[in-house]
Amino acid sequence: MKNILIGIAGGTASGKTTIAQAIESAFCSDDVVIVRQDNYYNSQDHLTFEERISTDYDHPNAFDFDLLKEHLKLLSEGKTIEQPIYSFNTHTRSNETKTITPSRVIILEGILSFADNSLVDLMDIKVFVETEADLRFIRRLLRDTVERGRTIEQSINQYLATAKPGHDQFVEPSKKKADIIIPYTDHNTVAIDMLIDQVRYIVSKNK
C-alpha cells in the first residue's frame, strides 16, 4: 500500500493547521499523520540566547530541510521516525523527540513547505492557503502573546523585520507551485471538502 504526501503551505497564521486537521478528522486517526515544519528549525544550541532571538525564522536557511526530507522519505517507506521538538521559548530544539509512525496519509504543513524543490517533488498534492494579510497579522499577534510568551512589541517588531519581508520574498512566490489554492475563511467548507474528496480518491487508488 502506497501512502501519499500532502504539502500545505501559506503565510504565517494563515490557517494551515486548520486545513491539516480537517483532513485528519475526515479519516481514521491511524490513517493520517501531520508533520509540522516548525519542528525542523535548525538546532541553535551553539548560539547564545540573544543570538537565537535575532535569527531570521522566516528565511529558508532557518530550516533543516535535509533532516525533514530524510524523515518524510522514511515515513513513506513505512518506517518510524524520531521527530525533533522545537521550543519557541528557548529558540532551539528540545532534548526530547516525538515518535511518529507512518500512515496512509502524511501531511506536511509549514510556511516554507514549498521552499525546497526536492521536497516539493516528494509531494502528491500541494496546497496553498491564501489568507488576507491583516487577518494573518492579528492571528499571529494573538498566538505570539498567548502561546509563545512574547510581548505585543516583540511580536510586531518581528513581523515587520522578518515575517512580512520573508512572506513577500519566499512564501507568496511559492504559491505558483501549488496544485490547489484555498482562500481561507471560517466557512470555506466547499474547498476543504473538495480537497478531502481528492485525498480519498488518491488513497482508494493506492490500496
N, C-alpha and C. Protein backbone atom coordinates (compact mmCIF):
# COMPACT_ATOMS: atom_id res chain seq x y z
N MET A 1 0.85 -1.20 0.00
CA MET A 1 0.00 0.00 0.00
C MET A 1 0.88 1.25 0.00
N LYS A 2 0.71 2.12 -0.97
CA LYS A 2 1.48 3.34 -1.08
C LYS A 2 0.78 4.45 -0.30
N ASN A 3 1.55 5.17 0.50
CA ASN A 3 0.95 6.31 1.16
C ASN A 3 1.12 7.56 0.29
N ILE A 4 0.45 8.63 0.67
CA ILE A 4 0.53 9.87 -0.10
C ILE A 4 1.01 10.99 0.80
N LEU A 5 1.71 11.94 0.20
CA LEU A 5 2.23 13.09 0.94
C LEU A 5 1.54 14.36 0.45
N ILE A 6 0.93 15.07 1.38
CA ILE A 6 0.26 16.33 1.08
C ILE A 6 1.08 17.46 1.70
N GLY A 7 1.47 18.43 0.89
CA GLY A 7 2.16 19.61 1.40
C GLY A 7 1.18 20.77 1.52
N ILE A 8 1.18 21.42 2.68
CA ILE A 8 0.30 22.58 2.89
C ILE A 8 1.18 23.77 3.27
N ALA A 9 1.20 24.77 2.40
CA ALA A 9 1.99 25.97 2.64
C ALA A 9 1.06 27.18 2.75
N GLY A 10 1.64 28.32 3.10
CA GLY A 10 0.87 29.54 3.25
C GLY A 10 1.54 30.43 4.26
N GLY A 11 1.10 31.66 4.33
CA GLY A 11 1.70 32.63 5.23
C GLY A 11 1.53 32.29 6.70
N THR A 12 2.23 33.02 7.53
CA THR A 12 2.12 32.84 8.96
C THR A 12 0.68 33.02 9.42
N ALA A 13 0.19 32.08 10.25
CA ALA A 13 -1.16 32.15 10.82
C ALA A 13 -2.24 32.22 9.75
N SER A 14 -2.01 31.54 8.62
CA SER A 14 -2.97 31.60 7.51
C SER A 14 -4.10 30.58 7.64
N GLY A 15 -3.91 29.58 8.51
CA GLY A 15 -4.93 28.54 8.65
C GLY A 15 -4.47 27.18 8.16
N LYS A 16 -3.16 27.02 7.99
CA LYS A 16 -2.61 25.76 7.50
C LYS A 16 -2.95 24.60 8.44
N THR A 17 -2.79 24.83 9.74
CA THR A 17 -3.07 23.78 10.72
C THR A 17 -4.55 23.40 10.70
N THR A 18 -5.42 24.38 10.52
CA THR A 18 -6.86 24.11 10.47
C THR A 18 -7.19 23.20 9.28
N ILE A 19 -6.58 23.47 8.13
CA ILE A 19 -6.81 22.63 6.95
C ILE A 19 -6.28 21.23 7.19
N ALA A 20 -5.08 21.13 7.76
CA ALA A 20 -4.50 19.82 8.05
C ALA A 20 -5.37 19.01 9.00
N GLN A 21 -5.89 19.68 10.02
CA GLN A 21 -6.74 18.99 10.99
C GLN A 21 -8.07 18.58 10.38
N ALA A 22 -8.57 19.36 9.42
CA ALA A 22 -9.82 18.99 8.74
C ALA A 22 -9.63 17.71 7.95
N ILE A 23 -8.49 17.58 7.29
CA ILE A 23 -8.20 16.34 6.56
C ILE A 23 -8.07 15.19 7.54
N GLU A 24 -7.35 15.43 8.62
CA GLU A 24 -7.13 14.39 9.64
C GLU A 24 -8.46 13.87 10.20
N SER A 25 -9.38 14.78 10.45
CA SER A 25 -10.66 14.40 11.06
C SER A 25 -11.55 13.63 10.09
N ALA A 26 -11.25 13.69 8.79
CA ALA A 26 -12.07 13.00 7.79
C ALA A 26 -11.67 11.54 7.64
N PHE A 27 -10.57 11.13 8.27
CA PHE A 27 -10.09 9.76 8.17
C PHE A 27 -9.97 9.15 9.56
N CYS A 28 -9.74 7.87 9.61
CA CYS A 28 -9.45 7.22 10.88
C CYS A 28 -8.16 7.80 11.45
N SER A 29 -8.08 7.89 12.76
CA SER A 29 -6.94 8.55 13.40
C SER A 29 -5.61 7.91 13.02
N ASP A 30 -5.61 6.62 12.76
CA ASP A 30 -4.36 5.93 12.42
C ASP A 30 -3.96 6.10 10.95
N ASP A 31 -4.84 6.70 10.16
CA ASP A 31 -4.59 6.82 8.73
C ASP A 31 -3.88 8.12 8.34
N VAL A 32 -3.77 9.06 9.27
CA VAL A 32 -3.19 10.38 8.95
C VAL A 32 -2.16 10.76 10.01
N VAL A 33 -1.02 11.28 9.54
CA VAL A 33 -0.03 11.86 10.45
C VAL A 33 0.31 13.25 9.94
N ILE A 34 0.39 14.21 10.85
CA ILE A 34 0.73 15.59 10.50
C ILE A 34 2.15 15.88 10.95
N VAL A 35 2.98 16.29 10.01
CA VAL A 35 4.36 16.69 10.30
C VAL A 35 4.43 18.21 10.17
N ARG A 36 4.82 18.88 11.24
CA ARG A 36 4.86 20.35 11.24
C ARG A 36 6.29 20.83 10.98
N GLN A 37 6.42 21.64 9.95
CA GLN A 37 7.74 22.14 9.58
C GLN A 37 8.39 22.92 10.71
N ASP A 38 7.59 23.53 11.56
CA ASP A 38 8.13 24.30 12.69
C ASP A 38 9.08 23.49 13.56
N ASN A 39 8.87 22.17 13.62
CA ASN A 39 9.75 21.34 14.44
C ASN A 39 11.10 21.09 13.78
N TYR A 40 11.27 21.55 12.56
CA TYR A 40 12.51 21.32 11.84
C TYR A 40 13.33 22.60 11.66
N TYR A 41 13.10 23.57 12.54
CA TYR A 41 14.05 24.68 12.61
C TYR A 41 15.40 24.11 13.02
N ASN A 42 16.48 24.72 12.54
CA ASN A 42 17.81 24.26 12.88
C ASN A 42 18.05 24.30 14.38
N SER A 43 18.80 23.34 14.88
CA SER A 43 19.24 23.38 16.27
C SER A 43 20.16 24.58 16.45
N GLN A 44 19.97 25.32 17.54
CA GLN A 44 20.77 26.52 17.79
C GLN A 44 21.46 26.47 19.15
N ASP A 45 21.77 25.26 19.58
CA ASP A 45 22.40 25.10 20.88
C ASP A 45 23.75 25.81 20.97
N HIS A 46 24.39 26.00 19.82
CA HIS A 46 25.72 26.62 19.81
C HIS A 46 25.66 28.14 19.90
N LEU A 47 24.45 28.71 19.86
CA LEU A 47 24.29 30.16 19.91
C LEU A 47 23.83 30.62 21.28
N THR A 48 24.15 31.85 21.62
CA THR A 48 23.63 32.43 22.85
C THR A 48 22.15 32.73 22.66
N PHE A 49 21.44 32.94 23.77
CA PHE A 49 20.01 33.23 23.67
C PHE A 49 19.77 34.50 22.87
N GLU A 50 20.62 35.49 23.06
CA GLU A 50 20.48 36.76 22.34
C GLU A 50 20.66 36.54 20.84
N GLU A 51 21.61 35.67 20.47
CA GLU A 51 21.82 35.38 19.06
C GLU A 51 20.64 34.60 18.47
N ARG A 52 20.05 33.72 19.27
CA ARG A 52 18.90 32.96 18.79
C ARG A 52 17.72 33.88 18.50
N ILE A 53 17.53 34.86 19.37
CA ILE A 53 16.41 35.79 19.20
C ILE A 53 16.53 36.54 17.88
N SER A 54 17.76 36.85 17.48
CA SER A 54 17.98 37.66 16.28
C SER A 54 17.95 36.85 14.99
N THR A 55 17.77 35.52 15.10
CA THR A 55 17.70 34.67 13.91
C THR A 55 16.48 35.02 13.06
N ASP A 56 16.65 35.00 11.75
CA ASP A 56 15.54 35.22 10.83
C ASP A 56 14.82 33.89 10.61
N TYR A 57 13.72 33.69 11.30
CA TYR A 57 12.99 32.42 11.24
C TYR A 57 12.05 32.33 10.04
N ASP A 58 12.03 33.37 9.24
CA ASP A 58 11.17 33.37 8.06
C ASP A 58 11.97 33.22 6.77
N HIS A 59 13.21 32.79 6.91
CA HIS A 59 14.09 32.54 5.77
C HIS A 59 14.31 31.04 5.64
N PRO A 60 14.39 30.51 4.42
CA PRO A 60 14.61 29.07 4.25
C PRO A 60 15.84 28.55 4.99
N ASN A 61 16.86 29.39 5.18
CA ASN A 61 18.08 28.94 5.86
C ASN A 61 17.85 28.59 7.32
N ALA A 62 16.69 28.97 7.86
CA ALA A 62 16.40 28.68 9.27
C ALA A 62 15.99 27.23 9.47
N PHE A 63 15.70 26.51 8.37
CA PHE A 63 15.15 25.15 8.48
C PHE A 63 16.19 24.09 8.10
N ASP A 64 16.06 22.94 8.73
CA ASP A 64 16.88 21.77 8.43
C ASP A 64 16.13 20.93 7.39
N PHE A 65 16.22 21.33 6.14
CA PHE A 65 15.48 20.64 5.08
C PHE A 65 16.01 19.22 4.85
N ASP A 66 17.30 19.03 5.07
CA ASP A 66 17.87 17.69 4.86
C ASP A 66 17.23 16.67 5.81
N LEU A 67 17.12 17.03 7.08
CA LEU A 67 16.50 16.13 8.05
C LEU A 67 15.03 15.95 7.75
N LEU A 68 14.35 17.02 7.38
CA LEU A 68 12.92 16.95 7.06
C LEU A 68 12.68 16.00 5.89
N LYS A 69 13.47 16.12 4.83
CA LYS A 69 13.32 15.23 3.67
C LYS A 69 13.63 13.78 4.05
N GLU A 70 14.67 13.59 4.85
CA GLU A 70 15.01 12.24 5.29
C GLU A 70 13.86 11.61 6.06
N HIS A 71 13.24 12.38 6.95
CA HIS A 71 12.15 11.84 7.76
C HIS A 71 10.92 11.54 6.91
N LEU A 72 10.61 12.41 5.97
CA LEU A 72 9.46 12.17 5.12
C LEU A 72 9.66 10.93 4.24
N LYS A 73 10.88 10.73 3.76
CA LYS A 73 11.18 9.54 2.96
C LYS A 73 11.05 8.28 3.82
N LEU A 74 11.52 8.34 5.06
CA LEU A 74 11.41 7.19 5.95
C LEU A 74 9.95 6.85 6.22
N LEU A 75 9.12 7.88 6.47
CA LEU A 75 7.69 7.64 6.69
C LEU A 75 7.05 7.04 5.44
N SER A 76 7.47 7.51 4.27
CA SER A 76 6.93 6.97 3.03
C SER A 76 7.33 5.51 2.82
N GLU A 77 8.45 5.12 3.42
CA GLU A 77 8.91 3.74 3.34
C GLU A 77 8.34 2.85 4.44
N GLY A 78 7.43 3.45 5.24
CA GLY A 78 6.80 2.68 6.30
C GLY A 78 7.62 2.57 7.56
N LYS A 79 8.55 3.50 7.75
CA LYS A 79 9.44 3.45 8.91
C LYS A 79 9.10 4.55 9.91
N THR A 80 9.34 4.26 11.17
CA THR A 80 9.08 5.21 12.25
C THR A 80 10.23 6.21 12.37
N ILE A 81 9.91 7.45 12.74
CA ILE A 81 10.94 8.47 12.93
C ILE A 81 10.87 9.04 14.34
N GLU A 82 11.98 9.65 14.76
CA GLU A 82 12.01 10.42 15.99
C GLU A 82 12.08 11.89 15.61
N GLN A 83 10.93 12.54 15.64
CA GLN A 83 10.84 13.92 15.19
C GLN A 83 11.38 14.87 16.26
N PRO A 84 12.20 15.84 15.87
CA PRO A 84 12.65 16.82 16.85
C PRO A 84 11.49 17.67 17.36
N ILE A 85 11.64 18.21 18.52
CA ILE A 85 10.64 19.11 19.10
C ILE A 85 11.31 20.47 19.29
N TYR A 86 10.74 21.48 18.68
CA TYR A 86 11.34 22.82 18.75
C TYR A 86 10.63 23.65 19.81
N SER A 87 11.41 24.34 20.62
CA SER A 87 10.85 25.19 21.68
C SER A 87 10.92 26.65 21.25
N PHE A 88 9.76 27.29 21.20
CA PHE A 88 9.72 28.71 20.83
C PHE A 88 10.07 29.60 22.01
N ASN A 89 10.22 29.02 23.18
CA ASN A 89 10.65 29.79 24.35
C ASN A 89 12.16 29.90 24.42
N THR A 90 12.86 28.78 24.09
CA THR A 90 14.32 28.79 24.12
C THR A 90 14.93 29.02 22.75
N HIS A 91 14.09 28.99 21.70
CA HIS A 91 14.53 29.22 20.32
C HIS A 91 15.56 28.17 19.87
N THR A 92 15.37 26.95 20.26
CA THR A 92 16.19 25.85 19.78
C THR A 92 15.45 24.55 20.03
N ARG A 93 16.04 23.45 19.63
CA ARG A 93 15.38 22.16 19.79
C ARG A 93 15.42 21.71 21.25
N SER A 94 14.36 21.04 21.64
CA SER A 94 14.30 20.40 22.95
C SER A 94 15.20 19.17 22.95
N ASN A 95 15.54 18.69 24.13
CA ASN A 95 16.32 17.45 24.24
C ASN A 95 15.46 16.23 23.96
N GLU A 96 14.14 16.43 23.91
CA GLU A 96 13.22 15.32 23.69
C GLU A 96 12.82 15.24 22.21
N THR A 97 12.35 14.08 21.80
CA THR A 97 11.82 13.89 20.45
C THR A 97 10.43 13.27 20.55
N LYS A 98 9.74 13.28 19.44
CA LYS A 98 8.40 12.68 19.38
C LYS A 98 8.41 11.55 18.37
N THR A 99 7.95 10.37 18.78
CA THR A 99 7.89 9.23 17.88
C THR A 99 6.71 9.37 16.93
N ILE A 100 7.01 9.34 15.63
CA ILE A 100 5.98 9.46 14.60
C ILE A 100 5.96 8.16 13.80
N THR A 101 4.80 7.54 13.74
CA THR A 101 4.67 6.29 12.98
C THR A 101 4.06 6.57 11.61
N PRO A 102 4.41 5.78 10.60
CA PRO A 102 3.91 6.02 9.24
C PRO A 102 2.40 5.80 9.14
N SER A 103 1.77 6.51 8.22
CA SER A 103 0.33 6.39 7.98
C SER A 103 0.06 6.46 6.49
N ARG A 104 -1.16 6.18 6.11
CA ARG A 104 -1.52 6.20 4.69
C ARG A 104 -1.45 7.61 4.12
N VAL A 105 -1.78 8.60 4.95
CA VAL A 105 -1.73 10.00 4.51
C VAL A 105 -0.75 10.75 5.41
N ILE A 106 0.27 11.34 4.79
CA ILE A 106 1.25 12.15 5.51
C ILE A 106 1.05 13.60 5.10
N ILE A 107 0.86 14.46 6.08
CA ILE A 107 0.65 15.89 5.80
C ILE A 107 1.84 16.68 6.33
N LEU A 108 2.46 17.45 5.47
CA LEU A 108 3.50 18.40 5.89
C LEU A 108 2.91 19.79 5.81
N GLU A 109 2.93 20.51 6.92
CA GLU A 109 2.42 21.87 6.89
C GLU A 109 3.45 22.83 7.47
N GLY A 110 3.61 23.97 6.78
CA GLY A 110 4.57 24.97 7.22
C GLY A 110 4.65 26.11 6.23
N ILE A 111 5.13 27.25 6.69
CA ILE A 111 5.15 28.44 5.83
C ILE A 111 6.03 28.24 4.60
N LEU A 112 7.10 27.46 4.75
CA LEU A 112 8.04 27.27 3.64
C LEU A 112 8.10 25.82 3.19
N SER A 113 6.96 25.17 3.21
CA SER A 113 6.89 23.78 2.76
C SER A 113 7.27 23.63 1.30
N PHE A 114 7.11 24.72 0.50
CA PHE A 114 7.41 24.66 -0.92
C PHE A 114 8.76 25.31 -1.27
N ALA A 115 9.56 25.65 -0.26
CA ALA A 115 10.79 26.41 -0.50
C ALA A 115 11.89 25.56 -1.11
N ASP A 116 11.87 24.24 -0.85
CA ASP A 116 12.90 23.33 -1.35
C ASP A 116 12.29 22.48 -2.47
N ASN A 117 12.81 22.62 -3.68
CA ASN A 117 12.21 21.93 -4.83
C ASN A 117 12.28 20.42 -4.72
N SER A 118 13.36 19.90 -4.13
CA SER A 118 13.46 18.44 -3.98
C SER A 118 12.45 17.93 -2.97
N LEU A 119 12.06 18.78 -2.03
CA LEU A 119 11.00 18.42 -1.08
C LEU A 119 9.64 18.46 -1.79
N VAL A 120 9.42 19.47 -2.60
CA VAL A 120 8.18 19.60 -3.36
C VAL A 120 7.97 18.39 -4.27
N ASP A 121 9.07 17.88 -4.83
CA ASP A 121 8.98 16.74 -5.74
C ASP A 121 8.44 15.49 -5.05
N LEU A 122 8.53 15.43 -3.73
CA LEU A 122 8.04 14.26 -2.99
C LEU A 122 6.53 14.30 -2.79
N MET A 123 5.91 15.46 -3.02
CA MET A 123 4.50 15.66 -2.67
C MET A 123 3.56 15.19 -3.76
N ASP A 124 2.48 14.55 -3.34
CA ASP A 124 1.43 14.13 -4.27
C ASP A 124 0.39 15.22 -4.48
N ILE A 125 0.13 15.99 -3.45
CA ILE A 125 -0.80 17.12 -3.53
C ILE A 125 -0.15 18.32 -2.85
N LYS A 126 -0.18 19.46 -3.51
CA LYS A 126 0.41 20.68 -2.95
C LYS A 126 -0.70 21.72 -2.78
N VAL A 127 -0.91 22.15 -1.55
CA VAL A 127 -2.00 23.06 -1.20
C VAL A 127 -1.42 24.36 -0.66
N PHE A 128 -1.90 25.48 -1.15
CA PHE A 128 -1.50 26.79 -0.62
C PHE A 128 -2.73 27.44 0.00
N VAL A 129 -2.61 27.86 1.25
CA VAL A 129 -3.71 28.51 1.96
C VAL A 129 -3.51 30.02 1.88
N GLU A 130 -4.44 30.69 1.23
CA GLU A 130 -4.32 32.13 0.99
C GLU A 130 -5.25 32.88 1.93
N THR A 131 -4.65 33.75 2.74
CA THR A 131 -5.41 34.49 3.75
C THR A 131 -4.98 35.94 3.73
N GLU A 132 -5.91 36.85 3.92
CA GLU A 132 -5.61 38.28 3.90
C GLU A 132 -4.56 38.62 4.95
N ALA A 133 -3.67 39.54 4.59
CA ALA A 133 -2.52 39.87 5.44
C ALA A 133 -2.94 40.41 6.80
N ASP A 134 -3.99 41.24 6.85
CA ASP A 134 -4.37 41.82 8.14
C ASP A 134 -4.90 40.75 9.09
N LEU A 135 -5.62 39.76 8.56
CA LEU A 135 -6.12 38.67 9.41
C LEU A 135 -4.96 37.81 9.89
N ARG A 136 -4.00 37.53 9.02
CA ARG A 136 -2.84 36.74 9.43
C ARG A 136 -2.06 37.46 10.52
N PHE A 137 -1.90 38.77 10.37
CA PHE A 137 -1.16 39.54 11.39
C PHE A 137 -1.85 39.47 12.75
N ILE A 138 -3.17 39.67 12.76
CA ILE A 138 -3.91 39.64 14.03
C ILE A 138 -3.81 38.27 14.68
N ARG A 139 -3.97 37.22 13.88
CA ARG A 139 -3.89 35.86 14.44
C ARG A 139 -2.48 35.55 14.94
N ARG A 140 -1.47 36.01 14.22
CA ARG A 140 -0.09 35.80 14.66
C ARG A 140 0.18 36.54 15.97
N LEU A 141 -0.31 37.76 16.05
CA LEU A 141 -0.11 38.56 17.27
C LEU A 141 -0.73 37.87 18.48
N LEU A 142 -1.94 37.37 18.33
CA LEU A 142 -2.60 36.66 19.43
C LEU A 142 -1.84 35.38 19.79
N ARG A 143 -1.38 34.64 18.79
CA ARG A 143 -0.63 33.40 19.06
C ARG A 143 0.68 33.70 19.79
N ASP A 144 1.40 34.72 19.33
CA ASP A 144 2.70 35.03 19.93
C ASP A 144 2.57 35.45 21.39
N THR A 145 1.55 36.25 21.67
CA THR A 145 1.41 36.76 23.03
C THR A 145 0.77 35.75 23.98
N VAL A 146 -0.14 34.92 23.48
CA VAL A 146 -0.83 33.96 24.33
C VAL A 146 -0.06 32.66 24.47
N GLU A 147 0.46 32.14 23.35
CA GLU A 147 1.07 30.82 23.35
C GLU A 147 2.60 30.83 23.47
N ARG A 148 3.23 31.90 23.02
CA ARG A 148 4.69 31.88 22.95
C ARG A 148 5.37 32.88 23.87
N GLY A 149 4.60 33.52 24.73
CA GLY A 149 5.16 34.36 25.78
C GLY A 149 5.86 35.62 25.31
N ARG A 150 5.47 36.14 24.16
CA ARG A 150 6.09 37.35 23.66
C ARG A 150 5.23 38.57 23.95
N THR A 151 5.86 39.72 24.04
CA THR A 151 5.11 40.94 24.23
C THR A 151 4.53 41.39 22.89
N ILE A 152 3.57 42.30 22.93
CA ILE A 152 2.99 42.82 21.70
C ILE A 152 4.08 43.50 20.87
N GLU A 153 4.94 44.26 21.54
CA GLU A 153 6.01 44.97 20.83
C GLU A 153 6.97 43.99 20.14
N GLN A 154 7.34 42.91 20.83
CA GLN A 154 8.24 41.91 20.24
C GLN A 154 7.60 41.27 19.02
N SER A 155 6.32 40.94 19.11
CA SER A 155 5.63 40.30 18.01
C SER A 155 5.55 41.22 16.80
N ILE A 156 5.20 42.49 17.04
CA ILE A 156 5.09 43.45 15.94
C ILE A 156 6.45 43.68 15.28
N ASN A 157 7.48 43.83 16.11
CA ASN A 157 8.83 44.07 15.57
C ASN A 157 9.29 42.91 14.70
N GLN A 158 9.05 41.68 15.17
CA GLN A 158 9.46 40.53 14.38
C GLN A 158 8.67 40.43 13.08
N TYR A 159 7.38 40.73 13.15
CA TYR A 159 6.55 40.67 11.94
C TYR A 159 7.07 41.65 10.89
N LEU A 160 7.39 42.87 11.32
CA LEU A 160 7.85 43.88 10.37
C LEU A 160 9.27 43.61 9.87
N ALA A 161 10.11 43.05 10.75
CA ALA A 161 11.52 42.86 10.40
C ALA A 161 11.76 41.64 9.53
N THR A 162 11.05 40.54 9.81
CA THR A 162 11.34 39.30 9.08
C THR A 162 10.11 38.60 8.49
N ALA A 163 9.00 38.56 9.23
CA ALA A 163 7.85 37.78 8.77
C ALA A 163 7.25 38.35 7.48
N LYS A 164 7.00 39.65 7.46
CA LYS A 164 6.42 40.24 6.24
C LYS A 164 7.40 40.21 5.07
N PRO A 165 8.66 40.63 5.26
CA PRO A 165 9.60 40.52 4.14
C PRO A 165 9.80 39.08 3.67
N GLY A 166 9.85 38.14 4.63
CA GLY A 166 10.00 36.73 4.27
C GLY A 166 8.81 36.21 3.49
N HIS A 167 7.62 36.66 3.87
CA HIS A 167 6.41 36.25 3.15
C HIS A 167 6.47 36.75 1.70
N ASP A 168 6.82 38.04 1.56
CA ASP A 168 6.85 38.62 0.22
C ASP A 168 7.92 37.97 -0.66
N GLN A 169 9.07 37.62 -0.07
CA GLN A 169 10.18 37.10 -0.85
C GLN A 169 10.10 35.60 -1.13
N PHE A 170 9.59 34.84 -0.13
CA PHE A 170 9.66 33.38 -0.25
C PHE A 170 8.29 32.69 -0.27
N VAL A 171 7.38 33.11 0.59
CA VAL A 171 6.12 32.39 0.73
C VAL A 171 5.17 32.67 -0.43
N GLU A 172 4.90 33.93 -0.67
CA GLU A 172 3.96 34.29 -1.73
C GLU A 172 4.39 33.75 -3.10
N PRO A 173 5.67 33.85 -3.48
CA PRO A 173 6.07 33.29 -4.79
C PRO A 173 5.92 31.78 -4.88
N SER A 174 5.96 31.09 -3.71
CA SER A 174 5.85 29.63 -3.74
C SER A 174 4.44 29.17 -4.10
N LYS A 175 3.49 30.09 -4.11
CA LYS A 175 2.10 29.76 -4.43
C LYS A 175 1.98 29.16 -5.82
N LYS A 176 2.87 29.55 -6.72
CA LYS A 176 2.78 29.05 -8.10
C LYS A 176 3.09 27.56 -8.20
N LYS A 177 3.66 26.99 -7.14
CA LYS A 177 3.97 25.56 -7.13
C LYS A 177 2.76 24.72 -6.68
N ALA A 178 1.71 25.37 -6.20
CA ALA A 178 0.57 24.66 -5.63
C ALA A 178 -0.32 24.04 -6.70
N ASP A 179 -0.90 22.90 -6.37
CA ASP A 179 -1.93 22.30 -7.21
C ASP A 179 -3.30 22.91 -6.89
N ILE A 180 -3.48 23.26 -5.62
CA ILE A 180 -4.76 23.78 -5.13
C ILE A 180 -4.48 25.01 -4.28
N ILE A 181 -5.21 26.11 -4.52
CA ILE A 181 -5.12 27.30 -3.69
C ILE A 181 -6.46 27.47 -2.98
N ILE A 182 -6.41 27.47 -1.65
CA ILE A 182 -7.63 27.59 -0.85
C ILE A 182 -7.70 28.99 -0.22
N PRO A 183 -8.65 29.82 -0.65
CA PRO A 183 -8.87 31.10 0.04
C PRO A 183 -9.47 30.79 1.42
N TYR A 184 -8.75 31.14 2.47
CA TYR A 184 -9.19 30.71 3.80
C TYR A 184 -10.22 31.66 4.41
N THR A 185 -11.35 31.09 4.79
CA THR A 185 -12.33 31.75 5.65
C THR A 185 -12.86 30.68 6.60
N ASP A 186 -13.51 31.10 7.65
CA ASP A 186 -14.03 30.15 8.62
C ASP A 186 -15.11 29.25 8.02
N HIS A 187 -15.67 29.66 6.90
CA HIS A 187 -16.80 28.92 6.36
C HIS A 187 -16.53 28.37 4.96
N ASN A 188 -15.27 28.28 4.58
CA ASN A 188 -14.95 27.77 3.25
C ASN A 188 -14.91 26.24 3.26
N THR A 189 -16.05 25.66 3.56
CA THR A 189 -16.12 24.20 3.64
C THR A 189 -16.12 23.54 2.27
N VAL A 190 -16.54 24.27 1.24
CA VAL A 190 -16.60 23.69 -0.10
C VAL A 190 -15.20 23.30 -0.57
N ALA A 191 -14.25 24.22 -0.46
CA ALA A 191 -12.88 23.94 -0.91
C ALA A 191 -12.25 22.83 -0.09
N ILE A 192 -12.49 22.86 1.22
CA ILE A 192 -11.91 21.84 2.09
C ILE A 192 -12.51 20.47 1.76
N ASP A 193 -13.81 20.41 1.55
CA ASP A 193 -14.47 19.15 1.21
C ASP A 193 -13.97 18.61 -0.13
N MET A 194 -13.74 19.51 -1.09
CA MET A 194 -13.21 19.08 -2.38
C MET A 194 -11.80 18.50 -2.22
N LEU A 195 -11.00 19.12 -1.37
CA LEU A 195 -9.65 18.62 -1.10
C LEU A 195 -9.72 17.24 -0.46
N ILE A 196 -10.59 17.08 0.52
CA ILE A 196 -10.74 15.79 1.19
C ILE A 196 -11.20 14.71 0.22
N ASP A 197 -12.13 15.06 -0.67
CA ASP A 197 -12.58 14.09 -1.69
C ASP A 197 -11.43 13.66 -2.59
N GLN A 198 -10.55 14.60 -2.94
CA GLN A 198 -9.41 14.26 -3.78
C GLN A 198 -8.44 13.34 -3.05
N VAL A 199 -8.24 13.60 -1.76
CA VAL A 199 -7.37 12.74 -0.95
C VAL A 199 -7.96 11.34 -0.87
N ARG A 200 -9.26 11.25 -0.64
CA ARG A 200 -9.93 9.94 -0.59
C ARG A 200 -9.75 9.18 -1.91
N TYR A 201 -9.86 9.91 -3.02
CA TYR A 201 -9.73 9.28 -4.34
C TYR A 201 -8.33 8.70 -4.52
N ILE A 202 -7.31 9.47 -4.17
CA ILE A 202 -5.93 9.00 -4.32
C ILE A 202 -5.66 7.83 -3.38
N VAL A 203 -6.17 7.89 -2.16
CA VAL A 203 -5.99 6.80 -1.22
C VAL A 203 -6.63 5.52 -1.77
N SER A 204 -7.82 5.63 -2.35
CA SER A 204 -8.52 4.46 -2.88
C SER A 204 -7.75 3.84 -4.04
N LYS A 205 -7.07 4.67 -4.83
CA LYS A 205 -6.27 4.16 -5.96
C LYS A 205 -5.03 3.44 -5.48
N ASN A 206 -4.54 3.82 -4.29
CA ASN A 206 -3.28 3.29 -3.81
C ASN A 206 -3.43 2.11 -2.84
N LYS A 207 -4.65 1.59 -2.72
CA LYS A 207 -4.86 0.47 -1.82
C LYS A 207 -4.13 -0.78 -2.34
